[in-house]
Amino acid sequence: MDHDIISLKSYCQLNRSVMLKIKTVAGCCFDNQAIHLDFGKLVFKPESVGDLVEITLTHLGIEGTGYLKIKDIERLLGIEVKHLDREYLSYIIAHHFAKEGVQFVRYISQDHLIELPLLITCIFRCSCLSTTLYIPLEGLEIEEKYLQHKPQNLPSDLRLSVSWAPFETYLSQNELSMLSSQDLILVYPK
């Protein structure tokens, strides 16, 4: 018999604190009347998003790090930022977005994206900005009183069906509760 030995390695490992953060923000919107974050999907491969600018976001009810696409920053500012000096870029971002609690940290090129942790996407809206923001869940501090669950919009042409298959049992309620994972139960149609 011919056997191949393979080794499986996980692409991403989630610790308990990250899982609890995902559980907290999944399907929610953050809104403190000044900024609005609409949380979306997880990003396991950040190298597919392009060059980024790392920012800190500090506002009422939220504190953390985030990443904006260079293309979005260039679109919002109206200038090409790739060749600007770090201090000048920091000044421009502070000038435009300081009242929203956004501060420039650093530029991240495509080569260094692999080092980023697990990210969650969100639509970041404020008075002068509407763009996609990537947030690492590990350092995110968020007050739950500013989170609201998004309404679920199911399409009107979605067809739902229910099937019900009753079965008869000869076991009493006590016998059913005494069953263990080692017991074998045979079920067959009436």
C-alpha atoms as a PDB file:
ATOM      1  CA  MET A   1       0.000   0.000   0.000  1.00  0.00           C
ATOM      2  CA  ASP A   2       1.309   3.403  -1.002  1.00  0.00           C
ATOM      3  CA  HIS A   3       0.887   6.216   1.555  1.00  0.00           C
ATOM      4  CA  ASP A   4       1.737   9.872   1.314  1.00  0.00           C
ATOM      5  CA  ILE A   5       2.478  11.766   4.480  1.00  0.00           C
ATOM      6  CA  ILE A   6       1.221  15.307   4.528  1.00  0.00           C
ATOM      7  CA  SER A   7       1.512  17.995   7.132  1.00  0.00           C
ATOM      8  CA  LEU A   8      -1.319  20.472   7.671  1.00  0.00           C
ATOM      9  CA  LYS A   9      -0.526  23.912   8.978  1.00  0.00           C
ATOM     10  CA  SER A  10      -3.160  26.453   9.925  1.00  0.00           C
ATOM     11  CA  TYR A  11      -3.131  29.690   7.973  1.00  0.00           C
ATOM     12  CA  CYS A  12      -4.389  31.753  10.864  1.00  0.00           C
ATOM     13  CA  GLN A  13      -4.835  31.035  14.559  1.00  0.00           C
ATOM     14  CA  LEU A  14      -7.369  32.955  16.591  1.00  0.00           C
ATOM     15  CA  ASN A  15      -6.957  33.345  20.314  1.00  0.00           C
ATOM     16  CA  ARG A  16      -9.913  33.718  22.665  1.00  0.00           C
ATOM     17  CA  SER A  17      -9.724  37.519  22.930  1.00  0.00           C
ATOM     18  CA  VAL A  18      -9.815  37.942  19.126  1.00  0.00           C
ATOM     19  CA  MET A  19     -12.749  35.532  18.871  1.00  0.00           C
ATOM     20  CA  LEU A  20     -14.633  37.545  21.492  1.00  0.00           C
ATOM     21  CA  LYS A  21     -13.930  40.778  19.566  1.00  0.00           C
ATOM     22  CA  ILE A  22     -15.238  39.155  16.367  1.00  0.00           C
ATOM     23  CA  LYS A  23     -18.339  38.047  18.236  1.00  0.00           C
ATOM     24  CA  THR A  24     -18.824  41.567  19.605  1.00  0.00           C
ATOM     25  CA  VAL A  25     -18.527  43.520  16.328  1.00  0.00           C
ATOM     26  CA  ALA A  26     -19.821  41.002  13.759  1.00  0.00           C
ATOM     27  CA  GLY A  27     -23.038  42.242  12.201  1.00  0.00           C
ATOM     28  CA  CYS A  28     -22.835  45.575  14.045  1.00  0.00           C
ATOM     29  CA  CYS A  29     -22.340  49.240  13.328  1.00  0.00           C
ATOM     30  CA  PHE A  30     -20.443  51.611  15.611  1.00  0.00           C
ATOM     31  CA  ASP A  31     -21.974  55.068  15.813  1.00  0.00           C
ATOM     32  CA  ASN A  32     -21.086  57.797  18.333  1.00  0.00           C
ATOM     33  CA  GLN A  33     -22.718  60.625  16.325  1.00  0.00           C
ATOM     34  CA  ALA A  34     -19.300  61.782  15.031  1.00  0.00           C
ATOM     35  CA  ILE A  35     -17.939  58.685  13.308  1.00  0.00           C
ATOM     36  CA  HIS A  36     -19.702  55.635  11.931  1.00  0.00           C
ATOM     37  CA  LEU A  37     -18.101  52.221  11.357  1.00  0.00           C
ATOM     38  CA  ASP A  38     -20.036  49.532   9.511  1.00  0.00           C
ATOM     39  CA  PHE A  39     -18.165  46.269  10.202  1.00  0.00           C
ATOM     40  CA  GLY A  40     -17.819  43.749   7.400  1.00  0.00           C
ATOM     41  CA  LYS A  41     -15.738  40.694   6.612  1.00  0.00           C
ATOM     42  CA  LEU A  42     -12.454  39.342   7.951  1.00  0.00           C
ATOM     43  CA  VAL A  43      -9.308  39.722   5.832  1.00  0.00           C
ATOM     44  CA  PHE A  44      -6.931  36.783   6.172  1.00  0.00           C
ATOM     45  CA  LYS A  45      -4.647  37.793   3.294  1.00  0.00           C
ATOM     46  CA  PRO A  46      -3.886  41.494   3.680  1.00  0.00           C
ATOM     47  CA  GLU A  47      -1.412  41.418   0.781  1.00  0.00           C
ATOM     48  CA  SER A  48      -4.370  41.538  -1.622  1.00  0.00           C
ATOM     49  CA  VAL A  49      -5.405  45.079  -0.597  1.00  0.00           C
ATOM     50  CA  GLY A  50      -2.389  47.035  -1.918  1.00  0.00           C
ATOM     51  CA  ASP A  51      -0.210  49.655  -0.202  1.00  0.00           C
ATOM     52  CA  LEU A  52      -1.591  51.011   3.072  1.00  0.00           C
ATOM     53  CA  VAL A  53      -1.231  53.886   5.503  1.00  0.00           C
ATOM     54  CA  GLU A  54      -1.353  52.943   9.176  1.00  0.00           C
ATOM     55  CA  ILE A  55      -3.397  55.302  11.320  1.00  0.00           C
ATOM     56  CA  THR A  56      -4.606  55.465  14.902  1.00  0.00           C
ATOM     57  CA  LEU A  57      -8.275  56.079  15.533  1.00  0.00           C
ATOM     58  CA  THR A  58      -9.081  57.615  18.905  1.00  0.00           C
ATOM     59  CA  HIS A  59     -12.564  58.915  19.499  1.00  0.00           C
ATOM     60  CA  LEU A  60     -15.423  58.663  21.971  1.00  0.00           C
ATOM     61  CA  GLY A  61     -16.081  54.943  22.497  1.00  0.00           C
ATOM     62  CA  ILE A  62     -13.348  53.582  20.230  1.00  0.00           C
ATOM     63  CA  GLU A  63      -9.587  53.341  20.250  1.00  0.00           C
ATOM     64  CA  GLY A  64      -7.397  51.314  17.934  1.00  0.00           C
ATOM     65  CA  THR A  65      -5.190  51.082  14.902  1.00  0.00           C
ATOM     66  CA  GLY A  66      -6.451  51.046  11.354  1.00  0.00           C
ATOM     67  CA  TYR A  67      -5.187  50.833   7.802  1.00  0.00           C
ATOM     68  CA  LEU A  68      -6.370  52.916   4.870  1.00  0.00           C
ATOM     69  CA  LYS A  69      -5.564  52.187   1.234  1.00  0.00           C
ATOM     70  CA  ILE A  70      -3.116  54.610  -0.356  1.00  0.00           C
ATOM     71  CA  LYS A  71      -5.529  55.004  -3.277  1.00  0.00           C
ATOM     72  CA  ASP A  72      -8.287  56.144  -0.911  1.00  0.00           C
ATOM     73  CA  ILE A  73      -6.004  58.655   0.837  1.00  0.00           C
ATOM     74  CA  GLU A  74      -4.913  60.036  -2.554  1.00  0.00           C
ATOM     75  CA  ARG A  75      -8.544  60.276  -3.667  1.00  0.00           C
ATOM     76  CA  LEU A  76      -9.595  62.071  -0.484  1.00  0.00           C
ATOM     77  CA  LEU A  77      -6.629  64.476  -0.367  1.00  0.00           C
ATOM     78  CA  GLY A  78      -6.329  65.003  -4.097  1.00  0.00           C
ATOM     79  CA  ILE A  79      -2.548  64.460  -4.153  1.00  0.00           C
ATOM     80  CA  GLU A  80      -0.194  61.526  -4.669  1.00  0.00           C
ATOM     81  CA  VAL A  81       1.182  60.579  -1.247  1.00  0.00           C
ATOM     82  CA  LYS A  82       3.634  57.813  -2.081  1.00  0.00           C
ATOM     83  CA  HIS A  83       6.616  60.140  -2.475  1.00  0.00           C
ATOM     84  CA  LEU A  84       5.761  62.644   0.268  1.00  0.00           C
ATOM     85  CA  ASP A  85       7.893  63.038   3.347  1.00  0.00           C
ATOM     86  CA  ARG A  86       6.567  61.228   6.432  1.00  0.00           C
ATOM     87  CA  GLU A  87       6.208  64.414   8.499  1.00  0.00           C
ATOM     88  CA  TYR A  88       4.444  66.258   5.694  1.00  0.00           C
ATOM     89  CA  LEU A  89       2.016  63.371   5.151  1.00  0.00           C
ATOM     90  CA  SER A  90       1.365  63.293   8.892  1.00  0.00           C
ATOM     91  CA  TYR A  91       0.623  67.025   8.808  1.00  0.00           C
ATOM     92  CA  ILE A  92      -1.781  66.704   5.843  1.00  0.00           C
ATOM     93  CA  ILE A  93      -3.699  63.831   7.443  1.00  0.00           C
ATOM     94  CA  ALA A  94      -3.855  65.660  10.783  1.00  0.00           C
ATOM     95  CA  HIS A  95      -5.050  68.822   9.035  1.00  0.00           C
ATOM     96  CA  HIS A  96      -7.918  67.004   7.278  1.00  0.00           C
ATOM     97  CA  PHE A  97      -8.901  64.311   9.799  1.00  0.00           C
ATOM     98  CA  ALA A  98      -7.779  65.389  13.303  1.00  0.00           C
ATOM     99  CA  LYS A  99     -11.300  66.206  14.494  1.00  0.00           C
ATOM    100  CA  GLU A 100     -12.299  62.604  13.684  1.00  0.00           C
ATOM    101  CA  GLY A 101      -9.469  61.284  15.873  1.00  0.00           C
ATOM    102  CA  VAL A 102      -7.322  60.047  12.958  1.00  0.00           C
ATOM    103  CA  GLN A 103      -3.536  60.317  13.211  1.00  0.00           C
ATOM    104  CA  PHE A 104      -0.903  59.099  10.756  1.00  0.00           C
ATOM    105  CA  VAL A 105       1.521  56.414  12.004  1.00  0.00           C
ATOM    106  CA  ARG A 106       3.417  55.056   8.986  1.00  0.00           C
ATOM    107  CA  TYR A 107       3.342  54.016   5.356  1.00  0.00           C
ATOM    108  CA  ILE A 108       3.222  50.249   4.699  1.00  0.00           C
ATOM    109  CA  SER A 109       4.432  49.003   1.328  1.00  0.00           C
ATOM    110  CA  GLN A 110       3.182  45.855  -0.413  1.00  0.00           C
ATOM    111  CA  ASP A 111       6.294  43.950   0.779  1.00  0.00           C
ATOM    112  CA  HIS A 112       5.437  44.344   4.489  1.00  0.00           C
ATOM    113  CA  LEU A 113       1.723  43.489   4.323  1.00  0.00           C
ATOM    114  CA  ILE A 114       2.320  39.829   5.168  1.00  0.00           C
ATOM    115  CA  GLU A 115       3.353  40.871   8.696  1.00  0.00           C
ATOM    116  CA  LEU A 116      -0.076  42.353   9.477  1.00  0.00           C
ATOM    117  CA  PRO A 117      -2.441  40.509  11.848  1.00  0.00           C
ATOM    118  CA  LEU A 118      -5.991  39.386  11.091  1.00  0.00           C
ATOM    119  CA  LEU A 119      -8.022  42.400   9.944  1.00  0.00           C
ATOM    120  CA  ILE A 120     -11.717  43.205   9.744  1.00  0.00           C
ATOM    121  CA  THR A 121     -13.023  45.556   7.073  1.00  0.00           C
ATOM    122  CA  CYS A 122     -15.394  48.359   7.852  1.00  0.00           C
ATOM    123  CA  ILE A 123     -16.889  51.309   6.073  1.00  0.00           C
ATOM    124  CA  PHE A 124     -15.556  54.388   7.902  1.00  0.00           C
ATOM    125  CA  ARG A 125     -17.797  57.446   7.629  1.00  0.00           C
ATOM    126  CA  CYS A 126     -17.459  60.845   9.231  1.00  0.00           C
ATOM    127  CA  SER A 127     -18.164  64.450   8.252  1.00  0.00           C
ATOM    128  CA  CYS A 128     -15.563  64.615   5.468  1.00  0.00           C
ATOM    129  CA  LEU A 129     -14.708  60.978   4.794  1.00  0.00           C
ATOM    130  CA  SER A 130     -16.272  57.761   3.567  1.00  0.00           C
ATOM    131  CA  THR A 131     -13.872  54.915   2.846  1.00  0.00           C
ATOM    132  CA  THR A 132     -12.898  51.346   3.667  1.00  0.00           C
ATOM    133  CA  LEU A 133     -10.859  50.940   6.835  1.00  0.00           C
ATOM    134  CA  TYR A 134      -9.032  47.761   7.854  1.00  0.00           C
ATOM    135  CA  ILE A 135      -8.859  47.260  11.627  1.00  0.00           C
ATOM    136  CA  PRO A 136      -6.804  44.653  13.503  1.00  0.00           C
ATOM    137  CA  LEU A 137      -9.009  43.118  16.174  1.00  0.00           C
ATOM    138  CA  GLU A 138      -6.176  42.463  18.632  1.00  0.00           C
ATOM    139  CA  GLY A 139      -5.734  46.071  19.758  1.00  0.00           C
ATOM    140  CA  LEU A 140      -9.288  47.314  19.237  1.00  0.00           C
ATOM    141  CA  GLU A 141     -10.963  48.879  22.273  1.00  0.00           C
ATOM    142  CA  ILE A 142     -14.641  49.538  21.653  1.00  0.00           C
ATOM    143  CA  GLU A 143     -17.490  50.428  23.993  1.00  0.00           C
ATOM    144  CA  GLU A 144     -20.478  48.203  23.341  1.00  0.00           C
ATOM    145  CA  LYS A 145     -23.013  50.937  24.125  1.00  0.00           C
ATOM    146  CA  TYR A 146     -22.149  52.542  20.757  1.00  0.00           C
ATOM    147  CA  LEU A 147     -22.715  49.293  18.821  1.00  0.00           C
ATOM    148  CA  GLN A 148     -26.014  48.634  17.066  1.00  0.00           C
ATOM    149  CA  HIS A 149     -26.958  45.472  15.208  1.00  0.00           C
ATOM    150  CA  LYS A 150     -27.512  45.923  11.495  1.00  0.00           C
ATOM    151  CA  PRO A 151     -30.996  45.031  10.259  1.00  0.00           C
ATOM    152  CA  GLN A 152     -31.069  41.878   8.186  1.00  0.00           C
ATOM    153  CA  ASN A 153     -32.460  42.521   4.712  1.00  0.00           C
ATOM    154  CA  LEU A 154     -33.595  39.312   3.085  1.00  0.00           C
ATOM    155  CA  PRO A 155     -34.553  39.487  -0.590  1.00  0.00           C
ATOM    156  CA  SER A 156     -38.304  39.500  -1.259  1.00  0.00           C
ATOM    157  CA  ASP A 157     -38.015  36.611  -3.731  1.00  0.00           C
ATOM    158  CA  LEU A 158     -36.293  34.325  -1.217  1.00  0.00           C
ATOM    159  CA  ARG A 159     -38.291  31.106  -0.940  1.00  0.00           C
ATOM    160  CA  LEU A 160     -38.319  29.367   2.379  1.00  0.00           C
ATOM    161  CA  SER A 161     -39.538  25.836   2.889  1.00  0.00           C
ATOM    162  CA  VAL A 162     -39.919  23.673   5.935  1.00  0.00           C
ATOM    163  CA  SER A 163     -39.896  19.918   6.027  1.00  0.00           C
ATOM    164  CA  TRP A 164     -41.052  18.014   9.032  1.00  0.00           C
ATOM    165  CA  ALA A 165     -40.483  14.327   9.491  1.00  0.00           C
ATOM    166  CA  PRO A 166     -42.098  13.002  12.649  1.00  0.00           C
ATOM    167  CA  PHE A 167     -40.874   9.753  14.043  1.00  0.00           C
ATOM    168  CA  GLU A 168     -42.123   7.397  16.653  1.00  0.00           C
ATOM    169  CA  THR A 169     -40.021   6.228  19.540  1.00  0.00           C
ATOM    170  CA  TYR A 170     -40.515   3.424  21.979  1.00  0.00           C
ATOM    171  CA  LEU A 171     -38.196   4.977  24.541  1.00  0.00           C
ATOM    172  CA  SER A 172     -39.486   6.884  27.521  1.00  0.00           C
ATOM    173  CA  GLN A 173     -38.359  10.399  28.335  1.00  0.00           C
ATOM    174  CA  ASN A 174     -36.157   9.046  31.120  1.00  0.00           C
ATOM    175  CA  GLU A 175     -34.531   6.519  28.756  1.00  0.00           C
ATOM    176  CA  LEU A 176     -33.864   9.265  26.198  1.00  0.00           C
ATOM    177  CA  SER A 177     -32.148  11.462  28.769  1.00  0.00           C
ATOM    178  CA  MET A 178     -29.959   8.548  29.899  1.00  0.00           C
ATOM    179  CA  LEU A 179     -28.516   7.987  26.397  1.00  0.00           C
ATOM    180  CA  SER A 180     -24.790   8.567  26.003  1.00  0.00           C
ATOM    181  CA  SER A 181     -22.552   9.151  23.008  1.00  0.00           C
ATOM    182  CA  GLN A 182     -21.685   5.447  23.073  1.00  0.00           C
ATOM    183  CA  ASP A 183     -25.292   4.320  22.487  1.00  0.00           C
ATOM    184  CA  LEU A 184     -26.419   3.362  19.011  1.00  0.00           C
ATOM    185  CA  ILE A 185     -29.834   4.570  17.861  1.00  0.00           C
ATOM    186  CA  LEU A 186     -31.436   3.288  14.697  1.00  0.00           C
ATOM    187  CA  VAL A 187     -33.902   5.568  12.963  1.00  0.00           C
ATOM    188  CA  TYR A 188     -35.923   4.491   9.963  1.00  0.00           C
ATOM    189  CA  PRO A 189     -38.960   5.905   8.132  1.00  0.00           C
ATOM    190  CA  LYS A 190     -42.440   4.926   9.288  1.00  0.00           C
END
